């Protein structure tokens, strides 16, 4: 989960920071009690984790299909490993593997319409809805852990993998409004992105090796 925590300080703040800042500015009245503000942020994050959990269970179930053949499993690991390496370089800004995909889906007219409806609602439930929406938007770090969920080959463990991922990223997302200014000015965010990217690239190379070994066995 260290990858999730480091990545949340870098990539999540970079990709999801605008989302969080948007709903914070439009929906949260700073004159309200601190408890209500905390509940709003907490509800948003619970929605985000709910999406991750559903995706994890789906990918875990799909991953179980590949356990019937070691060769197919090897090819699957190999492709996922290559994807991890590309994601890592994309997070470092070396290539645009993720940028185009993330931008295309995030600015889809339907997504923008749903977001507009939720952002103008004052209910606590709307924060949960925004979290659900954010959880389904493309994110390189989410892809990394979904690959881990898929390789677990289990509906249950796939879901648990993504629950742990969501919980590990929650501290940074909850505290975003308090530390975003510091992170932008200090270069801390850039350091965290590089560290998380290198870990993801390393894990991707390892998975590629495992896949190659299984495929040729």
Protein backbone atom coordinates (compact mmCIF):
# COMPACT_ATOMS: atom_id res chain seq x y z
CA UNK A 1 0.00 0.00 0.00
CA UNK A 2 3.04 2.28 0.07
CA UNK A 3 2.56 2.80 -3.67
CA UNK A 4 -1.01 3.95 -3.04
CA UNK A 5 0.04 6.39 -0.32
CA UNK A 6 2.96 7.85 -2.28
CA UNK A 7 0.87 7.99 -5.43
CA UNK A 8 -1.96 9.76 -3.64
CA UNK A 9 0.46 12.52 -2.64
CA UNK A 10 1.49 12.89 -6.24
CA UNK A 11 -0.73 11.55 -9.00
CA UNK A 12 -4.07 11.60 -7.14
CA UNK A 13 -3.60 15.20 -6.04
CA UNK A 14 -2.60 16.11 -9.56
CA UNK A 15 -5.43 14.26 -11.36
CA UNK A 16 -8.21 14.44 -8.77
CA UNK A 17 -7.19 17.69 -7.09
CA UNK A 18 -9.21 19.78 -9.52
CA UNK A 19 -12.25 17.60 -8.86
CA UNK A 20 -11.90 18.02 -5.10
CA UNK A 21 -11.25 21.75 -5.32
CA UNK A 22 -14.29 22.18 -7.59
CA UNK A 23 -16.78 20.54 -5.23
CA UNK A 24 -15.16 22.16 -2.20
CA UNK A 25 -15.59 25.63 -3.68
CA UNK A 26 -19.08 25.09 -5.07
CA UNK A 27 -20.72 22.89 -2.44
CA UNK A 28 -19.06 23.39 0.93
CA UNK A 29 -19.96 26.50 2.92
CA UNK A 30 -17.02 27.33 5.17
CA UNK A 31 -19.41 29.00 7.63
CA UNK A 32 -20.97 25.62 8.46
CA UNK A 33 -19.67 23.46 11.29
CA UNK A 34 -16.37 21.64 10.93
CA UNK A 35 -18.22 18.39 11.56
CA UNK A 36 -20.49 18.87 8.55
CA UNK A 37 -17.54 19.81 6.35
CA UNK A 38 -15.71 16.69 7.47
CA UNK A 39 -18.78 14.54 6.80
CA UNK A 40 -19.04 15.98 3.28
CA UNK A 41 -15.42 15.11 2.51
CA UNK A 42 -15.74 11.70 4.16
CA UNK A 43 -18.91 10.89 2.19
CA UNK A 44 -17.18 11.86 -1.03
CA UNK A 45 -14.29 9.53 -0.26
CA UNK A 46 -16.64 6.69 0.68
CA UNK A 47 -18.25 7.07 -2.74
CA UNK A 48 -14.83 6.94 -4.37
CA UNK A 49 -13.89 3.78 -2.45
CA UNK A 50 -17.25 2.19 -3.36
CA UNK A 51 -16.42 2.60 -7.05
CA UNK A 52 -12.95 1.15 -6.54
CA UNK A 53 -14.40 -1.83 -4.68
CA UNK A 54 -16.91 -2.62 -7.42
CA UNK A 55 -14.19 -2.39 -10.07
CA UNK A 56 -11.88 -4.56 -7.96
CA UNK A 57 -14.50 -7.29 -7.60
CA UNK A 58 -15.18 -7.17 -11.34
CA UNK A 59 -11.51 -7.39 -12.28
CA UNK A 60 -10.88 -10.07 -9.66
CA UNK A 61 -13.69 -12.16 -11.13
CA UNK A 62 -12.41 -11.62 -14.67
CA UNK A 63 -8.89 -12.51 -13.55
CA UNK A 64 -10.09 -15.88 -12.29
CA UNK A 65 -10.84 -16.84 -15.91
CA UNK A 66 -7.15 -16.77 -16.73
CA UNK A 67 -6.21 -19.25 -14.02
CA UNK A 68 -7.32 -22.18 -16.18
CA UNK A 69 -4.26 -21.92 -18.43
CA UNK A 70 -0.75 -21.03 -17.32
CA UNK A 71 0.12 -19.84 -20.82
CA UNK A 72 -2.89 -17.53 -21.05
CA UNK A 73 -2.14 -16.37 -17.53
CA UNK A 74 1.43 -15.64 -18.62
CA UNK A 75 0.29 -13.56 -21.59
CA UNK A 76 -2.08 -11.68 -19.31
CA UNK A 77 0.70 -10.87 -16.82
CA UNK A 78 3.01 -9.85 -19.66
CA UNK A 79 0.51 -7.37 -21.13
CA UNK A 80 -0.35 -5.97 -17.70
CA UNK A 81 3.36 -5.58 -16.96
CA UNK A 82 3.92 -3.60 -20.15
CA UNK A 83 0.90 -1.44 -19.26
CA UNK A 84 2.40 -0.77 -15.82
CA UNK A 85 5.69 0.37 -17.31
CA UNK A 86 3.89 2.70 -19.74
CA UNK A 87 1.75 4.08 -16.91
CA UNK A 88 4.83 4.77 -14.81
CA UNK A 89 6.54 6.70 -17.60
CA UNK A 90 3.29 8.54 -18.30
CA UNK A 91 3.01 9.61 -14.64
CA UNK A 92 6.56 10.99 -14.91
CA UNK A 93 5.56 13.00 -17.97
CA UNK A 94 7.88 11.11 -20.32
CA UNK A 95 5.06 9.89 -22.59
CA UNK A 96 1.36 10.69 -23.07
CA UNK A 97 0.01 7.19 -22.61
CA UNK A 98 -2.59 8.16 -19.99
CA UNK A 99 -3.15 11.86 -20.63
CA UNK A 100 -5.26 11.53 -23.77
CA UNK A 101 -7.41 8.70 -22.39
CA UNK A 102 -8.04 10.48 -19.09
CA UNK A 103 -8.91 13.77 -20.77
CA UNK A 104 -11.21 12.14 -23.35
CA UNK A 105 -13.37 10.35 -20.77
CA UNK A 106 -13.30 13.08 -18.13
CA UNK A 107 -14.69 15.62 -20.60
CA UNK A 108 -17.32 13.32 -22.06
CA UNK A 109 -20.64 15.28 -22.42
CA UNK A 110 -22.60 12.74 -20.35
CA UNK A 111 -20.00 12.80 -17.56
CA UNK A 112 -20.02 16.60 -17.57
CA UNK A 113 -23.85 16.65 -17.36
CA UNK A 114 -23.94 14.27 -14.38
CA UNK A 115 -21.17 16.23 -12.68
CA UNK A 116 -23.07 19.50 -13.20
CA UNK A 117 -26.21 18.04 -11.60
CA UNK A 118 -24.32 16.74 -8.57
CA UNK A 119 -22.22 19.86 -8.09
CA UNK A 120 -25.35 22.03 -7.78
CA UNK A 121 -27.01 19.81 -5.18
CA UNK A 122 -26.63 20.59 -1.47
CA UNK A 123 -27.43 17.12 -0.17
CA UNK A 124 -24.92 14.87 1.56
CA UNK A 125 -25.86 12.15 -0.92
CA UNK A 126 -24.58 14.32 -3.77
CA UNK A 127 -21.08 14.12 -2.29
CA UNK A 128 -21.33 10.33 -2.37
CA UNK A 129 -22.45 10.57 -6.01
CA UNK A 130 -19.48 12.76 -6.89
CA UNK A 131 -17.18 10.26 -5.22
CA UNK A 132 -18.72 7.42 -7.22
CA UNK A 133 -18.26 9.40 -10.42
CA UNK A 134 -14.66 10.26 -9.62
CA UNK A 135 -13.92 6.63 -8.80
CA UNK A 136 -14.93 5.50 -12.28
CA UNK A 137 -12.88 8.14 -14.10
CA UNK A 138 -9.57 6.95 -15.61
CA UNK A 139 -6.54 7.18 -13.34
CA UNK A 140 -3.13 5.59 -13.82
CA UNK A 141 -2.77 4.65 -10.17
CA UNK A 142 -6.20 2.99 -10.18
CA UNK A 143 -5.21 0.98 -13.25
CA UNK A 144 -2.13 -0.27 -11.41
CA UNK A 145 -4.16 -1.64 -8.50
CA UNK A 146 -6.90 -3.01 -10.76
CA UNK A 147 -4.19 -5.09 -12.42
CA UNK A 148 -3.25 -6.41 -8.97
CA UNK A 149 -6.94 -7.14 -8.32
CA UNK A 150 -7.18 -9.04 -11.60
CA UNK A 151 -4.08 -11.13 -10.89
CA UNK A 152 -5.56 -12.13 -7.53
CA UNK A 153 -8.05 -14.22 -9.51
CA UNK A 154 -10.66 -13.74 -6.80
CA UNK A 155 -13.89 -11.75 -6.61
CA UNK A 156 -13.34 -11.23 -2.87
CA UNK A 157 -9.63 -10.46 -2.87
CA UNK A 158 -10.02 -8.21 -5.91
CA UNK A 159 -12.52 -6.11 -3.97
CA UNK A 160 -10.35 -6.10 -0.83
CA UNK A 161 -7.34 -4.96 -2.86
CA UNK A 162 -9.23 -1.89 -4.04
CA UNK A 163 -10.67 -1.20 -0.57
CA UNK A 164 -7.13 -1.08 0.78
CA UNK A 165 -6.08 1.15 -2.09
CA UNK A 166 -8.94 3.56 -1.41
CA UNK A 167 -8.20 3.70 2.31
CA UNK A 168 -4.51 4.34 1.64
CA UNK A 169 -5.32 7.32 -0.59
CA UNK A 170 -7.93 8.78 1.76
CA UNK A 171 -5.58 10.76 4.06
CA UNK A 172 -4.16 12.77 1.16
CA UNK A 173 -7.58 13.39 -0.35
CA UNK A 174 -9.12 14.42 2.98
CA UNK A 175 -6.26 16.79 3.70
CA UNK A 176 -6.00 18.19 0.17
CA UNK A 177 -7.70 21.47 0.98
CA UNK A 178 -5.21 22.16 3.79
CA UNK A 179 -1.93 21.24 2.11
CA UNK A 180 -2.45 21.82 -1.63
CA UNK A 181 -0.74 25.22 -1.49
CA UNK A 182 2.33 23.77 0.20
CA UNK A 183 2.56 20.84 -2.20
CA UNK A 184 2.40 23.10 -5.25
CA UNK A 185 5.15 25.38 -4.08
CA UNK A 186 7.60 22.98 -2.46
CA UNK A 187 8.16 20.46 -5.23
CA UNK A 188 7.07 17.73 -2.79
CA UNK A 189 4.33 16.56 -5.15
CA UNK A 190 6.83 16.11 -8.00
CA UNK A 191 9.11 14.02 -5.79
CA UNK A 192 6.21 11.77 -4.75
CA UNK A 193 5.16 11.31 -8.38
CA UNK A 194 8.66 10.21 -9.36
CA UNK A 195 8.96 7.77 -6.47
CA UNK A 196 5.53 6.23 -7.14
CA UNK A 197 6.29 6.09 -10.88
CA UNK A 198 9.57 4.26 -10.33
CA UNK A 199 7.89 1.72 -8.04
CA UNK A 200 5.15 1.12 -10.63
CA UNK A 201 7.72 0.74 -13.44
CA UNK A 202 9.70 -1.71 -11.33
CA UNK A 203 6.63 -3.76 -10.53
CA UNK A 204 5.63 -3.67 -14.20
CA UNK A 205 9.01 -5.05 -15.26
CA UNK A 206 8.67 -7.79 -12.65
CA UNK A 207 5.19 -8.73 -13.87
CA UNK A 208 6.42 -8.72 -17.48
CA UNK A 209 9.19 -11.14 -16.50
CA UNK A 210 6.73 -13.42 -14.68
CA UNK A 211 4.39 -13.36 -17.67
CA UNK A 212 7.17 -14.12 -20.12
CA UNK A 213 8.44 -17.00 -17.98
CA UNK A 214 4.95 -18.52 -17.68
CA UNK A 215 4.19 -18.10 -21.39
CA UNK A 216 7.31 -19.91 -22.58
CA UNK A 217 7.19 -22.64 -19.91
